[in-house]
C-alpha atoms as a PDB file:
ATOM      1  CA  UNK A   1     -28.707   6.627  -4.482  1.00  0.00           C
ATOM      2  CA  UNK A   2     -25.305   6.793  -6.225  1.00  0.00           C
ATOM      3  CA  UNK A   3     -22.325   6.632  -3.792  1.00  0.00           C
ATOM      4  CA  UNK A   4     -20.095   9.707  -3.780  1.00  0.00           C
ATOM      5  CA  UNK A   5     -16.532   8.583  -3.027  1.00  0.00           C
ATOM      6  CA  UNK A   6     -13.329  10.688  -2.642  1.00  0.00           C
ATOM      7  CA  UNK A   7     -10.098   8.729  -3.439  1.00  0.00           C
ATOM      8  CA  UNK A   8      -7.047  10.395  -2.130  1.00  0.00           C
ATOM      9  CA  UNK A   9      -3.935   9.088  -3.922  1.00  0.00           C
ATOM     10  CA  UNK A  10      -6.093   8.030  -6.863  1.00  0.00           C
ATOM     11  CA  UNK A  11      -3.198   8.410  -9.381  1.00  0.00           C
ATOM     12  CA  UNK A  12      -0.878   6.174  -7.447  1.00  0.00           C
ATOM     13  CA  UNK A  13      -0.013   2.441  -7.578  1.00  0.00           C
ATOM     14  CA  UNK A  14      -3.159   1.348  -5.554  1.00  0.00           C
ATOM     15  CA  UNK A  15      -5.406   4.334  -6.070  1.00  0.00           C
ATOM     16  CA  UNK A  16      -5.720   3.881  -9.971  1.00  0.00           C
ATOM     17  CA  UNK A  17      -7.161   0.403  -9.782  1.00  0.00           C
ATOM     18  CA  UNK A  18      -9.273   1.381  -6.712  1.00  0.00           C
ATOM     19  CA  UNK A  19     -10.728   4.342  -8.776  1.00  0.00           C
ATOM     20  CA  UNK A  20     -11.320   2.152 -11.757  1.00  0.00           C
ATOM     21  CA  UNK A  21     -13.359  -0.419  -9.666  1.00  0.00           C
ATOM     22  CA  UNK A  22     -15.511   2.130  -8.108  1.00  0.00           C
ATOM     23  CA  UNK A  23     -16.250   3.866 -11.341  1.00  0.00           C
ATOM     24  CA  UNK A  24     -17.250   0.488 -12.956  1.00  0.00           C
ATOM     25  CA  UNK A  25     -19.270  -0.052  -9.884  1.00  0.00           C
ATOM     26  CA  UNK A  26     -21.322   2.975 -10.727  1.00  0.00           C
ATOM     27  CA  UNK A  27     -20.183   5.233  -8.166  1.00  0.00           C
ATOM     28  CA  UNK A  28     -19.450   8.973  -8.315  1.00  0.00           C
ATOM     29  CA  UNK A  29     -15.793   9.181  -7.910  1.00  0.00           C
ATOM     30  CA  UNK A  30     -13.567  12.297  -7.088  1.00  0.00           C
ATOM     31  CA  UNK A  31      -9.996  12.111  -6.998  1.00  0.00           C
ATOM     32  CA  UNK A  32      -7.392  14.376  -5.214  1.00  0.00           C
ATOM     33  CA  UNK A  33      -4.005  14.559  -6.797  1.00  0.00           C
ATOM     34  CA  UNK A  34      -1.109  16.883  -6.588  1.00  0.00           C
ATOM     35  CA  UNK A  35      -0.816  16.607 -10.407  1.00  0.00           C
ATOM     36  CA  UNK A  36      -3.808  18.197 -12.124  1.00  0.00           C
ATOM     37  CA  UNK A  37      -4.863  17.787 -15.783  1.00  0.00           C
ATOM     38  CA  UNK A  38      -7.026  15.515 -17.933  1.00  0.00           C
ATOM     39  CA  UNK A  39      -6.140  11.991 -16.876  1.00  0.00           C
ATOM     40  CA  UNK A  40      -8.270  10.410 -19.650  1.00  0.00           C
ATOM     41  CA  UNK A  41     -10.476   8.463 -17.256  1.00  0.00           C
ATOM     42  CA  UNK A  42     -13.602  10.479 -16.957  1.00  0.00           C
ATOM     43  CA  UNK A  43     -12.901  11.015 -13.335  1.00  0.00           C
ATOM     44  CA  UNK A  44     -13.215  14.502 -11.760  1.00  0.00           C
ATOM     45  CA  UNK A  45      -9.767  15.425 -10.593  1.00  0.00           C
ATOM     46  CA  UNK A  46      -9.297  17.961  -7.869  1.00  0.00           C
ATOM     47  CA  UNK A  47      -5.882  19.486  -6.804  1.00  0.00           C
ATOM     48  CA  UNK A  48      -4.996  18.790  -3.200  1.00  0.00           C
ATOM     49  CA  UNK A  49      -2.069  17.675  -1.064  1.00  0.00           C
ATOM     50  CA  UNK A  50      -2.625  15.613   1.980  1.00  0.00           C
ATOM     51  CA  UNK A  51       0.752  16.566   3.293  1.00  0.00           C
ATOM     52  CA  UNK A  52      -0.223  20.147   3.786  1.00  0.00           C
ATOM     53  CA  UNK A  53      -4.029  19.909   3.851  1.00  0.00           C
ATOM     54  CA  UNK A  54      -4.292  22.252   0.681  1.00  0.00           C
ATOM     55  CA  UNK A  55      -7.452  21.467  -1.071  1.00  0.00           C
ATOM     56  CA  UNK A  56      -8.654  18.519   1.083  1.00  0.00           C
ATOM     57  CA  UNK A  57     -11.704  20.075   2.790  1.00  0.00           C
ATOM     58  CA  UNK A  58     -13.257  21.431  -0.403  1.00  0.00           C
ATOM     59  CA  UNK A  59     -12.697  18.007  -1.887  1.00  0.00           C
ATOM     60  CA  UNK A  60     -14.730  16.359   0.664  1.00  0.00           C
ATOM     61  CA  UNK A  61     -17.792  18.318   0.355  1.00  0.00           C
ATOM     62  CA  UNK A  62     -20.699  16.040  -0.368  1.00  0.00           C
ATOM     63  CA  UNK A  63     -18.795  12.688  -0.296  1.00  0.00           C
ATOM     64  CA  UNK A  64     -20.195   9.772   1.704  1.00  0.00           C
ATOM     65  CA  UNK A  65     -16.950   7.795   1.690  1.00  0.00           C
ATOM     66  CA  UNK A  66     -13.282   8.721   1.545  1.00  0.00           C
ATOM     67  CA  UNK A  67     -10.594   6.078   0.434  1.00  0.00           C
ATOM     68  CA  UNK A  68      -7.114   7.112   1.561  1.00  0.00           C
ATOM     69  CA  UNK A  69      -4.646   5.320  -0.737  1.00  0.00           C
ATOM     70  CA  UNK A  70      -2.042   8.193  -0.120  1.00  0.00           C
ATOM     71  CA  UNK A  71       1.185   6.842   1.425  1.00  0.00           C
ATOM     72  CA  UNK A  72       4.910   7.608   1.902  1.00  0.00           C
ATOM     73  CA  UNK A  73       8.000   6.325   3.531  1.00  0.00           C
ATOM     74  CA  UNK A  74       7.266   8.514   6.570  1.00  0.00           C
ATOM     75  CA  UNK A  75       4.587  11.054   7.592  1.00  0.00           C
ATOM     76  CA  UNK A  76       1.446   9.037   7.072  1.00  0.00           C
ATOM     77  CA  UNK A  77       0.420   9.823  10.704  1.00  0.00           C
ATOM     78  CA  UNK A  78       0.530  13.433   9.953  1.00  0.00           C
ATOM     79  CA  UNK A  79      -1.328  13.136   6.798  1.00  0.00           C
ATOM     80  CA  UNK A  80      -4.027  10.977   8.533  1.00  0.00           C
ATOM     81  CA  UNK A  81      -4.394  13.722  11.190  1.00  0.00           C
ATOM     82  CA  UNK A  82      -4.861  16.361   8.474  1.00  0.00           C
ATOM     83  CA  UNK A  83      -7.510  14.055   6.731  1.00  0.00           C
ATOM     84  CA  UNK A  84      -9.407  13.609  10.122  1.00  0.00           C
ATOM     85  CA  UNK A  85      -9.386  17.328  10.775  1.00  0.00           C
ATOM     86  CA  UNK A  86     -10.756  18.050   7.238  1.00  0.00           C
ATOM     87  CA  UNK A  87     -13.416  15.301   7.467  1.00  0.00           C
ATOM     88  CA  UNK A  88     -14.717  16.428  10.772  1.00  0.00           C
ATOM     89  CA  UNK A  89     -15.118  19.823   9.228  1.00  0.00           C
ATOM     90  CA  UNK A  90     -17.640  18.596   6.768  1.00  0.00           C
ATOM     91  CA  UNK A  91     -19.423  15.824   8.169  1.00  0.00           C
ATOM     92  CA  UNK A  92     -19.077  12.095   9.145  1.00  0.00           C
ATOM     93  CA  UNK A  93     -17.820  10.360   5.965  1.00  0.00           C
ATOM     94  CA  UNK A  94     -16.749   6.791   6.165  1.00  0.00           C
ATOM     95  CA  UNK A  95     -12.763   6.729   6.224  1.00  0.00           C
ATOM     96  CA  UNK A  96     -11.410   3.691   4.476  1.00  0.00           C
ATOM     97  CA  UNK A  97      -7.743   3.350   5.208  1.00  0.00           C
ATOM     98  CA  UNK A  98      -4.963   1.172   3.842  1.00  0.00           C
ATOM     99  CA  UNK A  99      -2.216   0.005   6.275  1.00  0.00           C
ATOM    100  CA  UNK A 100       0.510  -2.526   6.422  1.00  0.00           C
ATOM    101  CA  UNK A 101       0.446  -5.926   7.892  1.00  0.00           C
ATOM    102  CA  UNK A 102       2.914  -5.933  11.020  1.00  0.00           C
ATOM    103  CA  UNK A 103       2.117  -2.360  11.826  1.00  0.00           C
ATOM    104  CA  UNK A 104       1.191  -3.429  15.460  1.00  0.00           C
ATOM    105  CA  UNK A 105       3.936  -6.225  15.596  1.00  0.00           C
ATOM    106  CA  UNK A 106       7.072  -4.489  14.451  1.00  0.00           C
ATOM    107  CA  UNK A 107       8.379  -2.636  17.397  1.00  0.00           C
ATOM    108  CA  UNK A 108      10.023   0.690  16.244  1.00  0.00           C
ATOM    109  CA  UNK A 109      11.990   2.199  19.308  1.00  0.00           C
ATOM    110  CA  UNK A 110      15.597   2.804  18.455  1.00  0.00           C
ATOM    111  CA  UNK A 111      17.218   5.229  15.896  1.00  0.00           C
ATOM    112  CA  UNK A 112      18.154   2.169  13.739  1.00  0.00           C
ATOM    113  CA  UNK A 113      14.800   0.852  13.898  1.00  0.00           C
ATOM    114  CA  UNK A 114      13.125   4.449  12.803  1.00  0.00           C
ATOM    115  CA  UNK A 115      15.759   4.611   9.999  1.00  0.00           C
ATOM    116  CA  UNK A 116      14.933   1.271   8.403  1.00  0.00           C
ATOM    117  CA  UNK A 117      11.411   0.518   9.539  1.00  0.00           C
ATOM    118  CA  UNK A 118       9.692   3.725  10.546  1.00  0.00           C
ATOM    119  CA  UNK A 119       6.926   3.030   7.879  1.00  0.00           C
ATOM    120  CA  UNK A 120       5.461   0.357  10.290  1.00  0.00           C
ATOM    121  CA  UNK A 121       5.336   3.035  13.140  1.00  0.00           C
ATOM    122  CA  UNK A 122       3.924   5.782  10.914  1.00  0.00           C
ATOM    123  CA  UNK A 123       1.165   3.418   9.560  1.00  0.00           C
ATOM    124  CA  UNK A 124       0.240   2.263  13.161  1.00  0.00           C
ATOM    125  CA  UNK A 125      -0.004   6.002  14.402  1.00  0.00           C
ATOM    126  CA  UNK A 126      -2.310   6.815  11.258  1.00  0.00           C
ATOM    127  CA  UNK A 127      -4.373   3.879  12.160  1.00  0.00           C
ATOM    128  CA  UNK A 128      -4.933   5.437  15.762  1.00  0.00           C
ATOM    129  CA  UNK A 129      -5.618   8.790  14.265  1.00  0.00           C
ATOM    130  CA  UNK A 130      -8.459   7.454  12.227  1.00  0.00           C
ATOM    131  CA  UNK A 131      -9.853   4.852  14.661  1.00  0.00           C
ATOM    132  CA  UNK A 132      -9.900   7.548  17.586  1.00  0.00           C
ATOM    133  CA  UNK A 133     -11.497  10.248  15.394  1.00  0.00           C
ATOM    134  CA  UNK A 134     -14.908   9.545  16.259  1.00  0.00           C
ATOM    135  CA  UNK A 135     -15.654   9.066  12.489  1.00  0.00           C
ATOM    136  CA  UNK A 136     -17.022   5.612  10.926  1.00  0.00           C
ATOM    137  CA  UNK A 137     -13.903   3.874   9.664  1.00  0.00           C
ATOM    138  CA  UNK A 138     -12.389   0.720   8.177  1.00  0.00           C
ATOM    139  CA  UNK A 139      -8.741  -0.099   7.972  1.00  0.00           C
ATOM    140  CA  UNK A 140      -7.277  -2.891   5.706  1.00  0.00           C
ATOM    141  CA  UNK A 141      -3.703  -4.137   6.478  1.00  0.00           C
ATOM    142  CA  UNK A 142      -1.853  -5.513   3.302  1.00  0.00           C
ATOM    143  CA  UNK A 143       1.512  -7.137   2.749  1.00  0.00           C
ATOM    144  CA  UNK A 144       3.853  -5.593   0.444  1.00  0.00           C
ATOM    145  CA  UNK A 145       2.667  -5.365  -3.323  1.00  0.00           C
ATOM    146  CA  UNK A 146       4.349  -7.401  -6.063  1.00  0.00           C
ATOM    147  CA  UNK A 147       4.934  -4.332  -8.139  1.00  0.00           C
ATOM    148  CA  UNK A 148       6.721  -2.629  -5.223  1.00  0.00           C
ATOM    149  CA  UNK A 149       9.105  -5.512  -4.661  1.00  0.00           C
ATOM    150  CA  UNK A 150       9.604  -5.765  -8.367  1.00  0.00           C
ATOM    151  CA  UNK A 151      10.657  -2.168  -8.474  1.00  0.00           C
ATOM    152  CA  UNK A 152      13.117  -2.774  -5.640  1.00  0.00           C
ATOM    153  CA  UNK A 153      14.550  -5.900  -7.506  1.00  0.00           C
ATOM    154  CA  UNK A 154      15.043  -3.770 -10.719  1.00  0.00           C
ATOM    155  CA  UNK A 155      16.858  -1.155  -8.758  1.00  0.00           C
ATOM    156  CA  UNK A 156      19.155  -3.425  -6.787  1.00  0.00           C
ATOM    157  CA  UNK A 157      19.889  -5.562  -9.857  1.00  0.00           C
ATOM    158  CA  UNK A 158      21.849  -2.484 -11.240  1.00  0.00           C
ATOM    159  CA  UNK A 159      24.512  -3.304  -8.667  1.00  0.00           C
ATOM    160  CA  UNK A 160      27.135  -6.014  -9.225  1.00  0.00           C
ATOM    161  CA  UNK A 161      26.673  -7.388  -5.659  1.00  0.00           C
ATOM    162  CA  UNK A 162      23.206  -7.287  -4.206  1.00  0.00           C
ATOM    163  CA  UNK A 163      23.186  -6.990  -0.372  1.00  0.00           C
ATOM    164  CA  UNK A 164      20.307  -9.126   0.769  1.00  0.00           C
ATOM    165  CA  UNK A 165      18.716  -8.922   4.329  1.00  0.00           C
ATOM    166  CA  UNK A 166      19.232 -12.234   5.699  1.00  0.00           C
ATOM    167  CA  UNK A 167      16.262 -14.248   7.252  1.00  0.00           C
ATOM    168  CA  UNK A 168      13.642 -11.687   6.168  1.00  0.00           C
ATOM    169  CA  UNK A 169      10.697 -13.083   4.198  1.00  0.00           C
ATOM    170  CA  UNK A 170       7.885 -11.436   2.230  1.00  0.00           C
ATOM    171  CA  UNK A 171       4.344 -12.555   1.315  1.00  0.00           C
ATOM    172  CA  UNK A 172       3.852 -10.314  -1.607  1.00  0.00           C
ATOM    173  CA  UNK A 173       0.248  -9.622  -2.856  1.00  0.00           C
ATOM    174  CA  UNK A 174      -1.270  -8.499  -6.204  1.00  0.00           C
ATOM    175  CA  UNK A 175      -2.188  -4.717  -6.290  1.00  0.00           C
ATOM    176  CA  UNK A 176      -5.330  -5.328  -8.208  1.00  0.00           C
ATOM    177  CA  UNK A 177      -6.375  -8.033  -5.716  1.00  0.00           C
ATOM    178  CA  UNK A 178      -5.945  -5.520  -2.793  1.00  0.00           C
ATOM    179  CA  UNK A 179      -7.631  -2.635  -4.951  1.00  0.00           C
ATOM    180  CA  UNK A 180     -10.773  -4.912  -5.384  1.00  0.00           C
ATOM    181  CA  UNK A 181     -10.885  -5.608  -1.664  1.00  0.00           C
ATOM    182  CA  UNK A 182     -10.550  -1.853  -0.841  1.00  0.00           C
ATOM    183  CA  UNK A 183     -13.344  -1.094  -3.250  1.00  0.00           C
ATOM    184  CA  UNK A 184     -15.536  -3.654  -1.671  1.00  0.00           C
ATOM    185  CA  UNK A 185     -14.823  -2.294   1.784  1.00  0.00           C
ATOM    186  CA  UNK A 186     -15.615   1.445   0.483  1.00  0.00           C
ATOM    187  CA  UNK A 187     -18.972   0.240  -0.685  1.00  0.00           C
ATOM    188  CA  UNK A 188     -19.900  -1.473   2.409  1.00  0.00           C
ATOM    189  CA  UNK A 189     -20.483  -0.315   5.903  1.00  0.00           C
ATOM    190  CA  UNK A 190     -17.864   0.667   8.302  1.00  0.00           C
ATOM    191  CA  UNK A 191     -16.137  -2.417   9.622  1.00  0.00           C
ATOM    192  CA  UNK A 192     -13.253  -1.162  11.929  1.00  0.00           C
ATOM    193  CA  UNK A 193     -10.061  -3.283  11.513  1.00  0.00           C
ATOM    194  CA  UNK A 194     -10.821  -6.092   8.959  1.00  0.00           C
ATOM    195  CA  UNK A 195      -8.967  -9.342   8.383  1.00  0.00           C
ATOM    196  CA  UNK A 196      -5.495  -8.673   6.738  1.00  0.00           C
ATOM    197  CA  UNK A 197      -4.741  -9.366   3.074  1.00  0.00           C
ATOM    198  CA  UNK A 198      -1.711 -11.246   1.943  1.00  0.00           C
ATOM    199  CA  UNK A 199      -0.203 -13.156  -1.045  1.00  0.00           C
ATOM    200  CA  UNK A 200      -0.533 -16.792  -1.520  1.00  0.00           C
ATOM    201  CA  UNK A 201       3.169 -17.661  -0.675  1.00  0.00           C
ATOM    202  CA  UNK A 202       5.963 -16.455   1.503  1.00  0.00           C
ATOM    203  CA  UNK A 203       9.489 -15.913   0.032  1.00  0.00           C
ATOM    204  CA  UNK A 204      12.798 -15.167   1.511  1.00  0.00           C
ATOM    205  CA  UNK A 205      14.194 -11.903  -0.030  1.00  0.00           C
ATOM    206  CA  UNK A 206      17.045 -13.989  -1.749  1.00  0.00           C
ATOM    207  CA  UNK A 207      14.255 -16.227  -3.387  1.00  0.00           C
ATOM    208  CA  UNK A 208      12.551 -13.126  -4.858  1.00  0.00           C
ATOM    209  CA  UNK A 209      15.804 -11.604  -6.123  1.00  0.00           C
ATOM    210  CA  UNK A 210      16.942 -14.825  -7.644  1.00  0.00           C
ATOM    211  CA  UNK A 211      13.564 -15.231  -9.341  1.00  0.00           C
ATOM    212  CA  UNK A 212      13.908 -11.818 -10.841  1.00  0.00           C
ATOM    213  CA  UNK A 213      17.484 -12.296 -11.986  1.00  0.00           C
ATOM    214  CA  UNK A 214      16.539 -15.529 -13.617  1.00  0.00           C
ATOM    215  CA  UNK A 215      13.520 -13.950 -15.313  1.00  0.00           C
ATOM    216  CA  UNK A 216      15.539 -11.008 -16.711  1.00  0.00           C
ATOM    217  CA  UNK A 217      18.531 -13.232 -17.590  1.00  0.00           C
ATOM    218  CA  UNK A 218      20.992 -11.319 -15.182  1.00  0.00           C
ATOM    219  CA  UNK A 219      23.796 -12.770 -13.054  1.00  0.00           C
ATOM    220  CA  UNK A 220      24.670 -11.134  -9.908  1.00  0.00           C
ATOM    221  CA  UNK A 221      26.342 -12.058  -6.799  1.00  0.00           C
ATOM    222  CA  UNK A 222      24.086 -12.033  -3.594  1.00  0.00           C
ATOM    223  CA  UNK A 223      25.529 -11.127  -0.386  1.00  0.00           C
ATOM    224  CA  UNK A 224      23.841 -11.876   2.936  1.00  0.00           C
ATOM    225  CA  UNK A 225      23.419  -8.828   5.268  1.00  0.00           C
ATOM    226  CA  UNK A 226      22.498  -8.934   8.862  1.00  0.00           C
ATOM    227  CA  UNK A 227      20.230  -6.130   9.857  1.00  0.00           C
ATOM    228  CA  UNK A 228      20.439  -4.946  13.484  1.00  0.00           C
ATOM    229  CA  UNK A 229      17.773  -3.702  15.696  1.00  0.00           C
ATOM    230  CA  UNK A 230      14.536  -5.047  17.354  1.00  0.00           C
ATOM    231  CA  UNK A 231      12.320  -4.136  14.358  1.00  0.00           C
ATOM    232  CA  UNK A 232      14.380  -6.279  12.022  1.00  0.00           C
ATOM    233  CA  UNK A 233      14.405  -9.053  14.691  1.00  0.00           C
ATOM    234  CA  UNK A 234      10.563  -9.029  14.617  1.00  0.00           C
ATOM    235  CA  UNK A 235      10.424  -9.131  10.944  1.00  0.00           C
ATOM    236  CA  UNK A 236      12.875 -12.090  10.800  1.00  0.00           C
ATOM    237  CA  UNK A 237      10.386 -13.779  13.282  1.00  0.00           C
ATOM    238  CA  UNK A 238       7.520 -13.091  10.617  1.00  0.00           C
ATOM    239  CA  UNK A 239       6.009  -9.988  12.063  1.00  0.00           C
ATOM    240  CA  UNK A 240       5.236  -8.653   8.495  1.00  0.00           C
ATOM    241  CA  UNK A 241       3.564 -11.874   7.349  1.00  0.00           C
ATOM    242  CA  UNK A 242      -0.037 -12.424   7.689  1.00  0.00           C
ATOM    243  CA  UNK A 243      -1.468 -15.016   9.901  1.00  0.00           C
ATOM    244  CA  UNK A 244      -3.621 -17.894   8.726  1.00  0.00           C
ATOM    245  CA  UNK A 245      -6.865 -16.126   9.026  1.00  0.00           C
ATOM    246  CA  UNK A 246      -5.777 -13.505   6.376  1.00  0.00           C
ATOM    247  CA  UNK A 247      -7.655 -12.920   3.203  1.00  0.00           C
ATOM    248  CA  UNK A 248      -5.245 -14.574   0.720  1.00  0.00           C
ATOM    249  CA  UNK A 249      -4.699 -13.327  -2.859  1.00  0.00           C
ATOM    250  CA  UNK A 250      -3.998 -15.640  -5.750  1.00  0.00           C
ATOM    251  CA  UNK A 251      -1.507 -14.022  -8.028  1.00  0.00           C
ATOM    252  CA  UNK A 252       2.041 -15.335  -7.365  1.00  0.00           C
ATOM    253  CA  UNK A 253       5.618 -13.775  -7.735  1.00  0.00           C
ATOM    254  CA  UNK A 254       6.327 -16.260 -10.535  1.00  0.00           C
ATOM    255  CA  UNK A 255       3.337 -15.213 -12.414  1.00  0.00           C
ATOM    256  CA  UNK A 256       4.238 -11.424 -11.965  1.00  0.00           C
ATOM    257  CA  UNK A 257       7.813 -12.489 -13.284  1.00  0.00           C
ATOM    258  CA  UNK A 258       6.455 -14.135 -16.420  1.00  0.00           C
ATOM    259  CA  UNK A 259       3.939 -11.358 -17.162  1.00  0.00           C
ATOM    260  CA  UNK A 260       6.119  -8.291 -16.449  1.00  0.00           C
ATOM    261  CA  UNK A 261       9.760  -9.319 -16.770  1.00  0.00           C
ATOM    262  CA  UNK A 262       9.581 -12.362 -19.130  1.00  0.00           C
ATOM    263  CA  UNK A 263       7.322 -10.489 -21.644  1.00  0.00           C
ATOM    264  CA  UNK A 264       9.630  -7.496 -21.737  1.00  0.00           C
ATOM    265  CA  UNK A 265      12.724  -9.720 -22.294  1.00  0.00           C
ATOM    266  CA  UNK A 266      10.958 -11.440 -25.116  1.00  0.00           C
ATOM    267  CA  UNK A 267      10.210  -8.120 -26.768  1.00  0.00           C
ATOM    268  CA  UNK A 268      13.788  -7.098 -26.472  1.00  0.00           C
ATOM    269  CA  UNK A 269      14.925 -10.537 -27.997  1.00  0.00           C
END
């Protein structure tokens, strides 16, 4: 029997490769997007918005698994609540959820914490919405994606002086590797909270930025910046990094820079 899978956020950074892998695995894939039209991928695209619930319940009709790749800087808990309510209205599909490493270890209590790290609290609240729903579920926590950090580095490098959070490290992971793991989980049985996924190396923020600047042949001044609050303190202690038992990706930051920055610079030259 062909698996019928709904991917919410299927046109986004993670959603696109997840959809491709599920399609290649022979699944019947349906995508919910706020941007209708022919996406040229042979996939059924339905108009829907998880922020409001518009179009979600009709899109769920007949599916056995829902992969939630939608996400934002805030509001993930509200979107998870809407998804759960809609799913309960049509049956008991398997919910596969993507979260962030550190969601349960980064305390977000003060106004300062919420302003800078509210994402962690929202992701944890979304996890609770799904795990307490009574529906079959699987949640994968992943570290920051290479291409997300690359976008940050590109934006920051427009400044003559780059403010760099001191003492903060990242363990970036390849989006495609996470997508492969998400697709694998979507094709499997509900597994609850599965081992975290992270990149093969950890880097201080200034290492990531200096690597980007070298690859893009830019020279900038880096200014260390101490970030206040309990959440920042937890991250400096490594709360956003995966423990040793995590599933490790293989692609490194250096490889990303060679492929995505070095190649573009050679093209310009």
